[in-house]
C-alpha atoms as a PDB file:
ATOM      1  CA  UNK A   1      -0.936   2.451  -5.959  1.00  0.00           C
ATOM      2  CA  UNK A   2      -3.639   3.595  -8.072  1.00  0.00           C
ATOM      3  CA  UNK A   3      -6.895   4.517  -6.424  1.00  0.00           C
ATOM      4  CA  UNK A   4      -5.985   4.274  -2.789  1.00  0.00           C
ATOM      5  CA  UNK A   5      -3.551   6.841  -3.359  1.00  0.00           C
ATOM      6  CA  UNK A   6      -4.090   6.890  -7.060  1.00  0.00           C
ATOM      7  CA  UNK A   7      -1.337   4.348  -7.244  1.00  0.00           C
ATOM      8  CA  UNK A   8      -0.075   2.698  -4.101  1.00  0.00           C
ATOM      9  CA  UNK A   9       1.524   2.736  -1.322  1.00  0.00           C
ATOM     10  CA  UNK A  10       1.933   0.881  -2.039  1.00  0.00           C
ATOM     11  CA  UNK A  11       1.343   1.407  -1.774  1.00  0.00           C
ATOM     12  CA  UNK A  12      -0.618   1.812   0.285  1.00  0.00           C
ATOM     13  CA  UNK A  13      -0.800   1.686   2.435  1.00  0.00           C
ATOM     14  CA  UNK A  14      -0.578   1.152   2.033  1.00  0.00           C
ATOM     15  CA  UNK A  15      -1.949   2.856   2.185  1.00  0.00           C
ATOM     16  CA  UNK A  16      -3.388   2.532   3.521  1.00  0.00           C
ATOM     17  CA  UNK A  17      -5.189   2.109   6.763  1.00  0.00           C
ATOM     18  CA  UNK A  18      -7.803   4.850   7.081  1.00  0.00           C
ATOM     19  CA  UNK A  19     -10.931   3.085   5.870  1.00  0.00           C
ATOM     20  CA  UNK A  20     -12.840   4.214   8.960  1.00  0.00           C
ATOM     21  CA  UNK A  21     -12.580   7.815   7.732  1.00  0.00           C
ATOM     22  CA  UNK A  22     -14.430   7.724   4.410  1.00  0.00           C
ATOM     23  CA  UNK A  23     -14.400  11.503   3.967  1.00  0.00           C
ATOM     24  CA  UNK A  24     -10.624  11.621   4.174  1.00  0.00           C
ATOM     25  CA  UNK A  25     -10.306   8.573   1.927  1.00  0.00           C
ATOM     26  CA  UNK A  26     -12.491  10.188  -0.725  1.00  0.00           C
ATOM     27  CA  UNK A  27     -10.492  13.432  -0.568  1.00  0.00           C
ATOM     28  CA  UNK A  28      -7.208  11.537  -0.814  1.00  0.00           C
ATOM     29  CA  UNK A  29      -8.406   9.452  -3.756  1.00  0.00           C
ATOM     30  CA  UNK A  30      -9.600  12.582  -5.534  1.00  0.00           C
ATOM     31  CA  UNK A  31      -6.306  14.389  -5.044  1.00  0.00           C
ATOM     32  CA  UNK A  32      -4.201  11.450  -6.116  1.00  0.00           C
ATOM     33  CA  UNK A  33      -6.381  10.583  -9.076  1.00  0.00           C
ATOM     34  CA  UNK A  34      -5.597  14.060 -10.401  1.00  0.00           C
ATOM     35  CA  UNK A  35      -1.910  13.215  -9.964  1.00  0.00           C
ATOM     36  CA  UNK A  36      -2.417  10.163 -12.163  1.00  0.00           C
ATOM     37  CA  UNK A  37      -2.006  12.169 -15.346  1.00  0.00           C
ATOM     38  CA  UNK A  38       1.434  13.430 -14.297  1.00  0.00           C
ATOM     39  CA  UNK A  39       4.756  11.808 -15.050  1.00  0.00           C
ATOM     40  CA  UNK A  40       6.638  11.142 -11.840  1.00  0.00           C
ATOM     41  CA  UNK A  41       9.955  12.929 -11.389  1.00  0.00           C
ATOM     42  CA  UNK A  42      11.305  10.302  -9.023  1.00  0.00           C
ATOM     43  CA  UNK A  43      14.790   9.280 -10.103  1.00  0.00           C
ATOM     44  CA  UNK A  44      15.326   5.627  -9.364  1.00  0.00           C
ATOM     45  CA  UNK A  45      18.770   4.672  -8.102  1.00  0.00           C
ATOM     46  CA  UNK A  46      20.370   1.298  -7.567  1.00  0.00           C
ATOM     47  CA  UNK A  47      19.932  -0.056  -4.033  1.00  0.00           C
ATOM     48  CA  UNK A  48      17.627   1.171  -1.303  1.00  0.00           C
ATOM     49  CA  UNK A  49      16.975   4.881  -0.993  1.00  0.00           C
ATOM     50  CA  UNK A  50      16.621   6.779   2.284  1.00  0.00           C
ATOM     51  CA  UNK A  51      12.932   5.926   2.563  1.00  0.00           C
ATOM     52  CA  UNK A  52      13.350   2.192   1.958  1.00  0.00           C
ATOM     53  CA  UNK A  53      12.462   1.889  -1.729  1.00  0.00           C
ATOM     54  CA  UNK A  54      14.534  -0.136  -4.176  1.00  0.00           C
ATOM     55  CA  UNK A  55      12.756   0.504  -7.454  1.00  0.00           C
ATOM     56  CA  UNK A  56      15.280  -1.476  -9.477  1.00  0.00           C
ATOM     57  CA  UNK A  57      14.584  -4.571  -7.372  1.00  0.00           C
ATOM     58  CA  UNK A  58      10.833  -3.825  -7.021  1.00  0.00           C
ATOM     59  CA  UNK A  59      11.125  -3.861  -3.255  1.00  0.00           C
ATOM     60  CA  UNK A  60      10.497  -1.775  -0.143  1.00  0.00           C
ATOM     61  CA  UNK A  61      11.741  -2.397   3.421  1.00  0.00           C
ATOM     62  CA  UNK A  62      11.229   0.144   6.179  1.00  0.00           C
ATOM     63  CA  UNK A  63       8.545   1.618   8.408  1.00  0.00           C
ATOM     64  CA  UNK A  64       5.086   2.200   6.953  1.00  0.00           C
ATOM     65  CA  UNK A  65       5.461   5.909   7.579  1.00  0.00           C
ATOM     66  CA  UNK A  66       8.501   6.047   5.297  1.00  0.00           C
ATOM     67  CA  UNK A  67       6.424   4.579   2.485  1.00  0.00           C
ATOM     68  CA  UNK A  68       3.978   7.440   2.998  1.00  0.00           C
ATOM     69  CA  UNK A  69       6.837   9.933   2.999  1.00  0.00           C
ATOM     70  CA  UNK A  70       8.625   8.562  -0.052  1.00  0.00           C
ATOM     71  CA  UNK A  71       6.164   6.834  -2.391  1.00  0.00           C
ATOM     72  CA  UNK A  72       5.926   8.537  -5.831  1.00  0.00           C
ATOM     73  CA  UNK A  73       2.164   8.486  -5.341  1.00  0.00           C
ATOM     74  CA  UNK A  74       2.560  11.500  -3.062  1.00  0.00           C
ATOM     75  CA  UNK A  75       4.675  13.560  -5.445  1.00  0.00           C
ATOM     76  CA  UNK A  76       3.477  17.168  -5.337  1.00  0.00           C
ATOM     77  CA  UNK A  77       2.380  17.011  -1.699  1.00  0.00           C
ATOM     78  CA  UNK A  78       4.402  19.127   0.769  1.00  0.00           C
ATOM     79  CA  UNK A  79       5.747  16.184   2.770  1.00  0.00           C
ATOM     80  CA  UNK A  80       6.999  14.203  -0.227  1.00  0.00           C
ATOM     81  CA  UNK A  81      10.682  13.217   0.008  1.00  0.00           C
ATOM     82  CA  UNK A  82      11.712  16.154   2.115  1.00  0.00           C
ATOM     83  CA  UNK A  83      15.472  15.871   2.780  1.00  0.00           C
ATOM     84  CA  UNK A  84      16.074  14.227   6.129  1.00  0.00           C
ATOM     85  CA  UNK A  85      12.382  13.510   6.729  1.00  0.00           C
ATOM     86  CA  UNK A  86      12.814   9.795   7.359  1.00  0.00           C
ATOM     87  CA  UNK A  87      11.668   7.822  10.405  1.00  0.00           C
ATOM     88  CA  UNK A  88      14.291   5.745  12.215  1.00  0.00           C
ATOM     89  CA  UNK A  89      12.288   4.770  15.298  1.00  0.00           C
ATOM     90  CA  UNK A  90      12.447   8.087  17.169  1.00  0.00           C
ATOM     91  CA  UNK A  91       8.916   7.620  18.470  1.00  0.00           C
ATOM     92  CA  UNK A  92       6.300  10.197  19.373  1.00  0.00           C
ATOM     93  CA  UNK A  93       8.654  13.166  19.069  1.00  0.00           C
ATOM     94  CA  UNK A  94       9.033  12.473  15.337  1.00  0.00           C
ATOM     95  CA  UNK A  95       5.261  12.214  14.896  1.00  0.00           C
ATOM     96  CA  UNK A  96       4.637  15.448  16.803  1.00  0.00           C
ATOM     97  CA  UNK A  97       7.094  17.368  14.626  1.00  0.00           C
ATOM     98  CA  UNK A  98       5.647  15.822  11.479  1.00  0.00           C
ATOM     99  CA  UNK A  99       2.095  16.840  12.369  1.00  0.00           C
ATOM    100  CA  UNK A 100       3.331  20.302  13.318  1.00  0.00           C
ATOM    101  CA  UNK A 101       4.839  20.770   9.855  1.00  0.00           C
ATOM    102  CA  UNK A 102       2.200  18.823   7.898  1.00  0.00           C
ATOM    103  CA  UNK A 103      -1.087  18.902   9.856  1.00  0.00           C
ATOM    104  CA  UNK A 104      -2.898  16.770   7.265  1.00  0.00           C
ATOM    105  CA  UNK A 105      -0.588  13.788   7.731  1.00  0.00           C
ATOM    106  CA  UNK A 106      -2.692  12.155  10.437  1.00  0.00           C
ATOM    107  CA  UNK A 107      -5.347  11.737   7.732  1.00  0.00           C
ATOM    108  CA  UNK A 108      -2.908   9.705   5.652  1.00  0.00           C
ATOM    109  CA  UNK A 109      -2.013   7.213   8.373  1.00  0.00           C
ATOM    110  CA  UNK A 110      -2.853   6.744  12.056  1.00  0.00           C
ATOM    111  CA  UNK A 111      -0.174   7.395  14.702  1.00  0.00           C
ATOM    112  CA  UNK A 112      -0.804   3.932  16.118  1.00  0.00           C
ATOM    113  CA  UNK A 113       1.124   2.451  13.180  1.00  0.00           C
ATOM    114  CA  UNK A 114       4.168   4.671  13.595  1.00  0.00           C
ATOM    115  CA  UNK A 115       6.396   1.759  14.668  1.00  0.00           C
ATOM    116  CA  UNK A 116       4.960  -0.774  12.258  1.00  0.00           C
ATOM    117  CA  UNK A 117       7.487  -2.024   9.717  1.00  0.00           C
ATOM    118  CA  UNK A 118       6.539  -3.083   6.213  1.00  0.00           C
ATOM    119  CA  UNK A 119       7.982  -5.011   3.317  1.00  0.00           C
ATOM    120  CA  UNK A 120       6.599  -4.800  -0.207  1.00  0.00           C
ATOM    121  CA  UNK A 121       7.400  -6.724  -3.375  1.00  0.00           C
ATOM    122  CA  UNK A 122       5.844  -6.006  -6.748  1.00  0.00           C
ATOM    123  CA  UNK A 123       6.409  -6.603 -10.435  1.00  0.00           C
ATOM    124  CA  UNK A 124       7.254  -4.157 -13.201  1.00  0.00           C
ATOM    125  CA  UNK A 125       3.641  -3.942 -14.350  1.00  0.00           C
ATOM    126  CA  UNK A 126       2.658  -2.411 -11.016  1.00  0.00           C
ATOM    127  CA  UNK A 127       5.567   0.031 -10.566  1.00  0.00           C
ATOM    128  CA  UNK A 128       8.486  -0.027 -12.951  1.00  0.00           C
ATOM    129  CA  UNK A 129      12.201   0.046 -12.196  1.00  0.00           C
ATOM    130  CA  UNK A 130      12.313   3.812 -12.728  1.00  0.00           C
ATOM    131  CA  UNK A 131       9.690   4.376 -10.029  1.00  0.00           C
ATOM    132  CA  UNK A 132       6.910   5.179 -12.513  1.00  0.00           C
ATOM    133  CA  UNK A 133       3.333   3.925 -12.246  1.00  0.00           C
ATOM    134  CA  UNK A 134       1.327   2.913 -15.338  1.00  0.00           C
ATOM    135  CA  UNK A 135      -1.961   4.624 -16.260  1.00  0.00           C
ATOM    136  CA  UNK A 136      -3.834   1.495 -15.132  1.00  0.00           C
ATOM    137  CA  UNK A 137      -3.128  -1.875 -13.563  1.00  0.00           C
ATOM    138  CA  UNK A 138      -6.113  -3.651 -15.083  1.00  0.00           C
ATOM    139  CA  UNK A 139      -5.257  -6.425 -17.549  1.00  0.00           C
ATOM    140  CA  UNK A 140      -1.508  -5.841 -17.070  1.00  0.00           C
ATOM    141  CA  UNK A 141      -0.569  -8.820 -14.902  1.00  0.00           C
ATOM    142  CA  UNK A 142       0.359  -6.461 -12.053  1.00  0.00           C
ATOM    143  CA  UNK A 143       0.814  -7.941  -8.586  1.00  0.00           C
ATOM    144  CA  UNK A 144       2.054  -6.827  -5.182  1.00  0.00           C
ATOM    145  CA  UNK A 145       2.650  -8.369  -1.743  1.00  0.00           C
ATOM    146  CA  UNK A 146       2.703  -6.607   1.638  1.00  0.00           C
ATOM    147  CA  UNK A 147       4.066  -7.804   4.955  1.00  0.00           C
ATOM    148  CA  UNK A 148       3.394  -5.660   8.029  1.00  0.00           C
ATOM    149  CA  UNK A 149       5.239  -6.361  11.270  1.00  0.00           C
ATOM    150  CA  UNK A 150       4.532  -4.762  14.622  1.00  0.00           C
ATOM    151  CA  UNK A 151       6.885  -5.658  17.469  1.00  0.00           C
ATOM    152  CA  UNK A 152       6.414  -3.268  20.378  1.00  0.00           C
ATOM    153  CA  UNK A 153       5.786  -3.809  24.075  1.00  0.00           C
ATOM    154  CA  UNK A 154       2.028  -3.521  23.567  1.00  0.00           C
ATOM    155  CA  UNK A 155       1.601  -5.096  20.108  1.00  0.00           C
ATOM    156  CA  UNK A 156       3.210  -8.113  18.457  1.00  0.00           C
ATOM    157  CA  UNK A 157       1.683  -9.221  15.174  1.00  0.00           C
ATOM    158  CA  UNK A 158       2.257  -9.837  11.472  1.00  0.00           C
ATOM    159  CA  UNK A 159      -0.069  -9.276   8.544  1.00  0.00           C
ATOM    160  CA  UNK A 160       0.576 -10.473   4.983  1.00  0.00           C
ATOM    161  CA  UNK A 161      -1.549  -9.490   1.997  1.00  0.00           C
ATOM    162  CA  UNK A 162      -1.165 -10.505  -1.658  1.00  0.00           C
ATOM    163  CA  UNK A 163      -2.876  -8.838  -4.613  1.00  0.00           C
ATOM    164  CA  UNK A 164      -3.199  -9.279  -8.364  1.00  0.00           C
ATOM    165  CA  UNK A 165      -4.798  -6.979 -10.904  1.00  0.00           C
ATOM    166  CA  UNK A 166      -8.315  -7.279 -12.209  1.00  0.00           C
ATOM    167  CA  UNK A 167      -8.650  -8.839 -15.676  1.00  0.00           C
ATOM    168  CA  UNK A 168     -11.309  -8.468 -18.326  1.00  0.00           C
ATOM    169  CA  UNK A 169     -14.364 -10.551 -17.503  1.00  0.00           C
ATOM    170  CA  UNK A 170     -13.788 -10.561 -13.742  1.00  0.00           C
ATOM    171  CA  UNK A 171     -16.928  -9.841 -11.724  1.00  0.00           C
ATOM    172  CA  UNK A 172     -17.418  -8.727  -8.130  1.00  0.00           C
ATOM    173  CA  UNK A 173     -20.336 -10.324  -6.286  1.00  0.00           C
ATOM    174  CA  UNK A 174     -20.939  -9.648  -2.583  1.00  0.00           C
ATOM    175  CA  UNK A 175     -17.297  -8.916  -1.854  1.00  0.00           C
ATOM    176  CA  UNK A 176     -15.867 -11.880  -3.801  1.00  0.00           C
ATOM    177  CA  UNK A 177     -14.314 -11.736  -7.272  1.00  0.00           C
ATOM    178  CA  UNK A 178     -15.134 -14.378  -9.908  1.00  0.00           C
ATOM    179  CA  UNK A 179     -13.622 -14.912 -13.343  1.00  0.00           C
ATOM    180  CA  UNK A 180     -15.580 -15.377 -16.553  1.00  0.00           C
ATOM    181  CA  UNK A 181     -15.856 -19.118 -15.815  1.00  0.00           C
ATOM    182  CA  UNK A 182     -17.529 -18.433 -12.478  1.00  0.00           C
ATOM    183  CA  UNK A 183     -14.526 -19.485 -10.386  1.00  0.00           C
ATOM    184  CA  UNK A 184     -13.742 -17.623  -7.175  1.00  0.00           C
ATOM    185  CA  UNK A 185     -10.495 -15.731  -7.779  1.00  0.00           C
ATOM    186  CA  UNK A 186     -10.180 -13.422  -4.788  1.00  0.00           C
ATOM    187  CA  UNK A 187     -11.622 -11.058  -2.230  1.00  0.00           C
ATOM    188  CA  UNK A 188     -12.520  -7.408  -2.677  1.00  0.00           C
ATOM    189  CA  UNK A 189      -9.807  -4.923  -1.681  1.00  0.00           C
ATOM    190  CA  UNK A 190     -10.596  -2.220   0.863  1.00  0.00           C
ATOM    191  CA  UNK A 191      -8.577   0.335  -1.033  1.00  0.00           C
ATOM    192  CA  UNK A 192      -8.153  -0.672  -4.674  1.00  0.00           C
ATOM    193  CA  UNK A 193     -11.557  -2.151  -5.371  1.00  0.00           C
ATOM    194  CA  UNK A 194     -11.510  -1.271  -9.066  1.00  0.00           C
ATOM    195  CA  UNK A 195      -7.901  -2.322  -9.710  1.00  0.00           C
ATOM    196  CA  UNK A 196      -6.614  -5.101  -7.427  1.00  0.00           C
ATOM    197  CA  UNK A 197      -7.950  -8.378  -6.051  1.00  0.00           C
ATOM    198  CA  UNK A 198      -6.871  -9.843  -2.696  1.00  0.00           C
ATOM    199  CA  UNK A 199      -5.573 -13.370  -3.221  1.00  0.00           C
ATOM    200  CA  UNK A 200      -4.334 -14.186   0.259  1.00  0.00           C
ATOM    201  CA  UNK A 201      -4.312 -12.743   3.778  1.00  0.00           C
ATOM    202  CA  UNK A 202      -2.369 -14.207   6.709  1.00  0.00           C
ATOM    203  CA  UNK A 203      -2.651 -12.820  10.240  1.00  0.00           C
ATOM    204  CA  UNK A 204      -0.502 -13.906  13.183  1.00  0.00           C
ATOM    205  CA  UNK A 205      -0.557 -12.513  16.693  1.00  0.00           C
ATOM    206  CA  UNK A 206      -3.150 -10.203  18.225  1.00  0.00           C
ATOM    207  CA  UNK A 207      -3.682  -7.544  15.559  1.00  0.00           C
ATOM    208  CA  UNK A 208      -6.108  -4.811  16.736  1.00  0.00           C
ATOM    209  CA  UNK A 209      -6.422  -3.464  13.166  1.00  0.00           C
ATOM    210  CA  UNK A 210      -8.286  -6.589  11.998  1.00  0.00           C
ATOM    211  CA  UNK A 211     -10.937  -6.462  10.613  1.00  0.00           C
ATOM    212  CA  UNK A 212     -11.683  -2.726  10.585  1.00  0.00           C
ATOM    213  CA  UNK A 213      -8.553  -1.570   8.767  1.00  0.00           C
ATOM    214  CA  UNK A 214      -6.926  -4.856   7.728  1.00  0.00           C
ATOM    215  CA  UNK A 215      -8.831  -7.859   6.346  1.00  0.00           C
ATOM    216  CA  UNK A 216      -9.147 -11.213   8.131  1.00  0.00           C
ATOM    217  CA  UNK A 217      -7.445 -14.411   6.946  1.00  0.00           C
ATOM    218  CA  UNK A 218      -8.279 -15.480   3.415  1.00  0.00           C
ATOM    219  CA  UNK A 219      -6.925 -17.867   0.789  1.00  0.00           C
ATOM    220  CA  UNK A 220      -8.292 -17.929  -2.723  1.00  0.00           C
ATOM    221  CA  UNK A 221      -9.402 -21.483  -3.540  1.00  0.00           C
ATOM    222  CA  UNK A 222      -8.435 -21.156  -7.221  1.00  0.00           C
ATOM    223  CA  UNK A 223      -4.986 -19.654  -7.294  1.00  0.00           C
ATOM    224  CA  UNK A 224      -1.366 -20.508  -7.865  1.00  0.00           C
ATOM    225  CA  UNK A 225       0.934 -18.314  -5.748  1.00  0.00           C
ATOM    226  CA  UNK A 226       3.566 -15.988  -7.171  1.00  0.00           C
ATOM    227  CA  UNK A 227       6.172 -16.009  -4.432  1.00  0.00           C
ATOM    228  CA  UNK A 228       6.952 -15.332  -0.811  1.00  0.00           C
ATOM    229  CA  UNK A 229       7.796 -12.262   1.221  1.00  0.00           C
END
């Protein structure tokens, strides 16, 4: 996802959840913005791949960490789609080996989200069926939805977030987006502030990542939804 991680992760995460470390976020954005001019070499296949992506269906289902390991955003980085490097719930031993091989990875996502699962749905304007991102999302009709689910002994919560792209004439004022008619159309995104607008946020359970890394509940007052996840 462009401009968190140049494109997404989903996107990300997506993507996703390191806003408290602005130095790392700036470095990551800079690196991935440079990747934006490249054409991804990801070969989309029918069905879900090892990391949980189904580009043909515009869908992802797996752990957050697998999105970080397999999203085309990260193409060119050492950890990207390494054969067999997929998390299946092994726990801390997997994380320790990952950090041993790729010491920078704890700057991409925090270990506290290792067992958090995520679903994503998006349209072709955001990431096409070949797994290729467009040069920009603005004025394209791009949208994406995230659902995070944590179900461990110590944490049980869900977090849903829905985004649409910024359109010409949209204006950001004190964290809220307005269209050219002055109507409120969404909330500012932590990660894609110049590309995507938050339309809805739903939190259930006791989520310790709200509000520092994940936004609180929100529903745009002037919006027709685009689906469920």
